[in-house]
Amino acid sequence: MLSGLIGRVTGSTPERLPRDLALAIERASVMGRCDDDSGDARILIVAAGLGSFYWEGIAPAAQRIARHRPELSPACCRYAARLLAQTVASRNRAEFRHGPKRRSWVFDF
Protein backbone atom coordinates (compact mmCIF):
# COMPACT_ATOMS: atom_id res chain seq x y z
CA MET A 1 0.00 0.00 0.00
CA LEU A 2 2.72 2.44 0.97
CA SER A 3 4.88 1.46 -2.01
CA GLY A 4 1.96 2.17 -4.35
CA LEU A 5 1.54 5.65 -2.84
CA ILE A 6 5.27 6.35 -3.16
CA GLY A 7 5.18 5.13 -6.76
CA ARG A 8 2.31 7.47 -7.62
CA VAL A 9 3.99 10.45 -5.93
CA THR A 10 7.49 9.93 -7.31
CA GLY A 11 6.46 8.40 -10.63
CA SER A 12 8.72 5.38 -10.18
CA THR A 13 8.16 1.84 -9.04
CA PRO A 14 10.43 0.09 -6.55
CA GLU A 15 12.71 -2.58 -7.98
CA ARG A 16 12.00 -6.16 -7.05
CA LEU A 17 13.71 -9.44 -7.64
CA PRO A 18 12.27 -11.41 -10.54
CA ARG A 19 10.14 -14.27 -9.30
CA ASP A 20 12.22 -16.90 -11.12
CA LEU A 21 15.44 -15.68 -9.46
CA ALA A 22 13.84 -15.66 -6.00
CA LEU A 23 12.56 -19.21 -6.53
CA ALA A 24 15.93 -20.36 -7.87
CA ILE A 25 17.65 -19.00 -4.75
CA GLU A 26 15.05 -20.55 -2.46
CA ARG A 27 15.32 -23.94 -4.17
CA ALA A 28 19.12 -23.88 -4.59
CA SER A 29 20.97 -27.03 -3.69
CA VAL A 30 23.50 -26.40 -0.89
CA MET A 31 26.09 -29.10 -0.26
CA GLY A 32 29.07 -29.26 2.05
CA ARG A 33 32.26 -30.45 0.37
CA CYS A 34 35.57 -31.84 1.61
CA ASP A 35 38.21 -29.59 3.05
CA ASP A 36 40.36 -27.74 0.56
CA ASP A 37 44.13 -27.33 0.81
CA SER A 38 43.87 -24.75 3.60
CA GLY A 39 41.76 -27.09 5.75
CA ASP A 40 38.49 -25.19 5.40
CA ALA A 41 35.25 -26.89 4.44
CA ARG A 42 33.67 -25.53 1.27
CA ILE A 43 30.02 -25.04 0.40
CA LEU A 44 28.88 -25.86 -3.12
CA ILE A 45 25.76 -24.11 -4.40
CA VAL A 46 23.83 -25.22 -7.46
CA ALA A 47 21.07 -22.82 -8.51
CA ALA A 48 19.02 -22.67 -11.69
CA GLY A 49 20.17 -19.78 -13.85
CA LEU A 50 23.31 -19.20 -11.76
CA GLY A 51 25.10 -22.49 -12.30
CA SER A 52 27.23 -24.16 -9.66
CA PHE A 53 29.82 -22.34 -7.59
CA TYR A 54 31.51 -22.40 -4.21
CA TRP A 55 30.23 -19.95 -1.60
CA GLU A 56 32.88 -17.32 -0.91
CA GLY A 57 30.74 -14.54 0.54
CA ILE A 58 28.08 -12.00 -0.31
CA ALA A 59 30.19 -9.76 -2.58
CA PRO A 60 31.34 -12.57 -4.93
CA ALA A 61 27.79 -13.96 -5.02
CA ALA A 62 26.42 -10.50 -5.94
CA GLN A 63 29.00 -10.25 -8.74
CA ARG A 64 28.00 -13.67 -10.05
CA ILE A 65 24.31 -12.73 -9.99
CA ALA A 66 25.12 -9.47 -11.82
CA ARG A 67 27.02 -11.43 -14.50
CA HIS A 68 24.15 -13.85 -15.04
CA ARG A 69 21.35 -11.28 -14.71
CA PRO A 70 22.64 -8.01 -16.24
CA GLU A 71 19.18 -6.40 -16.18
CA LEU A 72 19.24 -6.21 -12.37
CA SER A 73 20.47 -3.16 -10.53
CA PRO A 74 23.45 -3.49 -8.16
CA ALA A 75 21.09 -3.08 -5.19
CA CYS A 76 18.95 -5.99 -6.40
CA CYS A 77 22.06 -8.12 -6.91
CA ARG A 78 23.21 -7.42 -3.35
CA TYR A 79 19.73 -8.23 -2.04
CA ALA A 80 19.70 -11.52 -3.98
CA ALA A 81 23.16 -12.36 -2.59
CA ARG A 82 21.95 -11.69 0.97
CA LEU A 83 18.92 -13.90 0.28
CA LEU A 84 21.28 -16.63 -0.94
CA ALA A 85 23.39 -16.21 2.22
CA GLN A 86 20.27 -16.66 4.32
CA THR A 87 19.39 -19.82 2.38
CA VAL A 88 22.90 -21.22 2.91
CA ALA A 89 22.74 -20.41 6.63
CA SER A 90 19.33 -21.99 7.15
CA ARG A 91 20.32 -25.17 5.29
CA ASN A 92 23.55 -25.36 7.32
CA ARG A 93 21.61 -24.87 10.54
CA ALA A 94 19.09 -27.56 9.59
CA GLU A 95 21.86 -30.02 8.72
CA PHE A 96 23.64 -29.65 12.06
CA ARG A 97 20.52 -29.34 14.21
CA HIS A 98 19.98 -33.06 14.35
CA GLY A 99 22.51 -34.82 16.53
CA PRO A 100 23.87 -38.29 15.88
CA LYS A 101 21.20 -40.96 15.70
CA ARG A 102 20.91 -43.08 18.80
CA ARG A 103 20.46 -46.79 18.74
CA SER A 104 17.18 -47.96 20.08
CA TRP A 105 17.33 -49.34 23.62
CA VAL A 106 15.13 -52.25 22.44
CA PHE A 107 18.09 -53.87 20.69
CA ASP A 108 20.56 -53.46 23.58
CA PHE A 109 19.96 -56.78 25.30
C-alpha atoms as a PDB file:
ATOM      1  CA  MET A   1       0.000   0.000   0.000  1.00  0.00           C
ATOM      2  CA  LEU A   2       2.722   2.443   0.970  1.00  0.00           C
ATOM      3  CA  SER A   3       4.880   1.461  -2.007  1.00  0.00           C
ATOM      4  CA  GLY A   4       1.957   2.173  -4.347  1.00  0.00           C
ATOM      5  CA  LEU A   5       1.542   5.648  -2.836  1.00  0.00           C
ATOM      6  CA  ILE A   6       5.272   6.350  -3.156  1.00  0.00           C
ATOM      7  CA  GLY A   7       5.179   5.128  -6.761  1.00  0.00           C
ATOM      8  CA  ARG A   8       2.312   7.474  -7.623  1.00  0.00           C
ATOM      9  CA  VAL A   9       3.986  10.453  -5.933  1.00  0.00           C
ATOM     10  CA  THR A  10       7.494   9.928  -7.314  1.00  0.00           C
ATOM     11  CA  GLY A  11       6.462   8.401 -10.632  1.00  0.00           C
ATOM     12  CA  SER A  12       8.721   5.381 -10.184  1.00  0.00           C
ATOM     13  CA  THR A  13       8.160   1.843  -9.041  1.00  0.00           C
ATOM     14  CA  PRO A  14      10.433   0.087  -6.549  1.00  0.00           C
ATOM     15  CA  GLU A  15      12.710  -2.583  -7.975  1.00  0.00           C
ATOM     16  CA  ARG A  16      11.997  -6.162  -7.052  1.00  0.00           C
ATOM     17  CA  LEU A  17      13.711  -9.439  -7.643  1.00  0.00           C
ATOM     18  CA  PRO A  18      12.265 -11.407 -10.538  1.00  0.00           C
ATOM     19  CA  ARG A  19      10.144 -14.273  -9.297  1.00  0.00           C
ATOM     20  CA  ASP A  20      12.218 -16.901 -11.121  1.00  0.00           C
ATOM     21  CA  LEU A  21      15.436 -15.680  -9.462  1.00  0.00           C
ATOM     22  CA  ALA A  22      13.842 -15.656  -6.001  1.00  0.00           C
ATOM     23  CA  LEU A  23      12.559 -19.208  -6.533  1.00  0.00           C
ATOM     24  CA  ALA A  24      15.931 -20.364  -7.865  1.00  0.00           C
ATOM     25  CA  ILE A  25      17.649 -19.003  -4.749  1.00  0.00           C
ATOM     26  CA  GLU A  26      15.053 -20.548  -2.461  1.00  0.00           C
ATOM     27  CA  ARG A  27      15.320 -23.944  -4.167  1.00  0.00           C
ATOM     28  CA  ALA A  28      19.118 -23.884  -4.594  1.00  0.00           C
ATOM     29  CA  SER A  29      20.973 -27.025  -3.689  1.00  0.00           C
ATOM     30  CA  VAL A  30      23.499 -26.400  -0.890  1.00  0.00           C
ATOM     31  CA  MET A  31      26.093 -29.100  -0.263  1.00  0.00           C
ATOM     32  CA  GLY A  32      29.073 -29.265   2.048  1.00  0.00           C
ATOM     33  CA  ARG A  33      32.257 -30.448   0.371  1.00  0.00           C
ATOM     34  CA  CYS A  34      35.570 -31.840   1.608  1.00  0.00           C
ATOM     35  CA  ASP A  35      38.210 -29.593   3.048  1.00  0.00           C
ATOM     36  CA  ASP A  36      40.360 -27.743   0.565  1.00  0.00           C
ATOM     37  CA  ASP A  37      44.134 -27.328   0.808  1.00  0.00           C
ATOM     38  CA  SER A  38      43.872 -24.753   3.603  1.00  0.00           C
ATOM     39  CA  GLY A  39      41.760 -27.090   5.747  1.00  0.00           C
ATOM     40  CA  ASP A  40      38.495 -25.185   5.400  1.00  0.00           C
ATOM     41  CA  ALA A  41      35.250 -26.891   4.444  1.00  0.00           C
ATOM     42  CA  ARG A  42      33.669 -25.532   1.267  1.00  0.00           C
ATOM     43  CA  ILE A  43      30.015 -25.045   0.403  1.00  0.00           C
ATOM     44  CA  LEU A  44      28.878 -25.863  -3.117  1.00  0.00           C
ATOM     45  CA  ILE A  45      25.760 -24.105  -4.395  1.00  0.00           C
ATOM     46  CA  VAL A  46      23.826 -25.223  -7.462  1.00  0.00           C
ATOM     47  CA  ALA A  47      21.072 -22.820  -8.508  1.00  0.00           C
ATOM     48  CA  ALA A  48      19.016 -22.672 -11.694  1.00  0.00           C
ATOM     49  CA  GLY A  49      20.173 -19.784 -13.846  1.00  0.00           C
ATOM     50  CA  LEU A  50      23.307 -19.201 -11.760  1.00  0.00           C
ATOM     51  CA  GLY A  51      25.103 -22.490 -12.301  1.00  0.00           C
ATOM     52  CA  SER A  52      27.234 -24.159  -9.663  1.00  0.00           C
ATOM     53  CA  PHE A  53      29.818 -22.344  -7.586  1.00  0.00           C
ATOM     54  CA  TYR A  54      31.506 -22.404  -4.210  1.00  0.00           C
ATOM     55  CA  TRP A  55      30.232 -19.954  -1.603  1.00  0.00           C
ATOM     56  CA  GLU A  56      32.875 -17.321  -0.911  1.00  0.00           C
ATOM     57  CA  GLY A  57      30.739 -14.538   0.542  1.00  0.00           C
ATOM     58  CA  ILE A  58      28.082 -11.999  -0.306  1.00  0.00           C
ATOM     59  CA  ALA A  59      30.191  -9.758  -2.581  1.00  0.00           C
ATOM     60  CA  PRO A  60      31.341 -12.572  -4.932  1.00  0.00           C
ATOM     61  CA  ALA A  61      27.792 -13.956  -5.018  1.00  0.00           C
ATOM     62  CA  ALA A  62      26.419 -10.504  -5.940  1.00  0.00           C
ATOM     63  CA  GLN A  63      29.003 -10.247  -8.739  1.00  0.00           C
ATOM     64  CA  ARG A  64      27.996 -13.665 -10.049  1.00  0.00           C
ATOM     65  CA  ILE A  65      24.309 -12.726  -9.988  1.00  0.00           C
ATOM     66  CA  ALA A  66      25.116  -9.473 -11.819  1.00  0.00           C
ATOM     67  CA  ARG A  67      27.016 -11.429 -14.499  1.00  0.00           C
ATOM     68  CA  HIS A  68      24.146 -13.850 -15.039  1.00  0.00           C
ATOM     69  CA  ARG A  69      21.347 -11.280 -14.711  1.00  0.00           C
ATOM     70  CA  PRO A  70      22.643  -8.009 -16.243  1.00  0.00           C
ATOM     71  CA  GLU A  71      19.181  -6.405 -16.184  1.00  0.00           C
ATOM     72  CA  LEU A  72      19.236  -6.211 -12.367  1.00  0.00           C
ATOM     73  CA  SER A  73      20.466  -3.157 -10.527  1.00  0.00           C
ATOM     74  CA  PRO A  74      23.453  -3.493  -8.160  1.00  0.00           C
ATOM     75  CA  ALA A  75      21.094  -3.082  -5.191  1.00  0.00           C
ATOM     76  CA  CYS A  76      18.947  -5.993  -6.396  1.00  0.00           C
ATOM     77  CA  CYS A  77      22.063  -8.121  -6.911  1.00  0.00           C
ATOM     78  CA  ARG A  78      23.215  -7.420  -3.351  1.00  0.00           C
ATOM     79  CA  TYR A  79      19.733  -8.228  -2.044  1.00  0.00           C
ATOM     80  CA  ALA A  80      19.703 -11.517  -3.979  1.00  0.00           C
ATOM     81  CA  ALA A  81      23.156 -12.361  -2.593  1.00  0.00           C
ATOM     82  CA  ARG A  82      21.945 -11.692   0.967  1.00  0.00           C
ATOM     83  CA  LEU A  83      18.921 -13.903   0.278  1.00  0.00           C
ATOM     84  CA  LEU A  84      21.275 -16.628  -0.936  1.00  0.00           C
ATOM     85  CA  ALA A  85      23.391 -16.211   2.221  1.00  0.00           C
ATOM     86  CA  GLN A  86      20.272 -16.658   4.318  1.00  0.00           C
ATOM     87  CA  THR A  87      19.391 -19.817   2.383  1.00  0.00           C
ATOM     88  CA  VAL A  88      22.901 -21.218   2.915  1.00  0.00           C
ATOM     89  CA  ALA A  89      22.744 -20.412   6.634  1.00  0.00           C
ATOM     90  CA  SER A  90      19.325 -21.993   7.146  1.00  0.00           C
ATOM     91  CA  ARG A  91      20.324 -25.171   5.294  1.00  0.00           C
ATOM     92  CA  ASN A  92      23.548 -25.356   7.319  1.00  0.00           C
ATOM     93  CA  ARG A  93      21.609 -24.865  10.540  1.00  0.00           C
ATOM     94  CA  ALA A  94      19.094 -27.564   9.594  1.00  0.00           C
ATOM     95  CA  GLU A  95      21.859 -30.025   8.725  1.00  0.00           C
ATOM     96  CA  PHE A  96      23.640 -29.655  12.060  1.00  0.00           C
ATOM     97  CA  ARG A  97      20.524 -29.337  14.212  1.00  0.00           C
ATOM     98  CA  HIS A  98      19.980 -33.062  14.353  1.00  0.00           C
ATOM     99  CA  GLY A  99      22.512 -34.824  16.529  1.00  0.00           C
ATOM    100  CA  PRO A 100      23.869 -38.287  15.876  1.00  0.00           C
ATOM    101  CA  LYS A 101      21.204 -40.962  15.703  1.00  0.00           C
ATOM    102  CA  ARG A 102      20.908 -43.085  18.803  1.00  0.00           C
ATOM    103  CA  ARG A 103      20.463 -46.785  18.742  1.00  0.00           C
ATOM    104  CA  SER A 104      17.183 -47.959  20.083  1.00  0.00           C
ATOM    105  CA  TRP A 105      17.328 -49.338  23.615  1.00  0.00           C
ATOM    106  CA  VAL A 106      15.134 -52.247  22.440  1.00  0.00           C
ATOM    107  CA  PHE A 107      18.087 -53.874  20.688  1.00  0.00           C
ATOM    108  CA  ASP A 108      20.558 -53.460  23.583  1.00  0.00           C
ATOM    109  CA  PHE A 109      19.964 -56.784  25.302  1.00  0.00           C
END
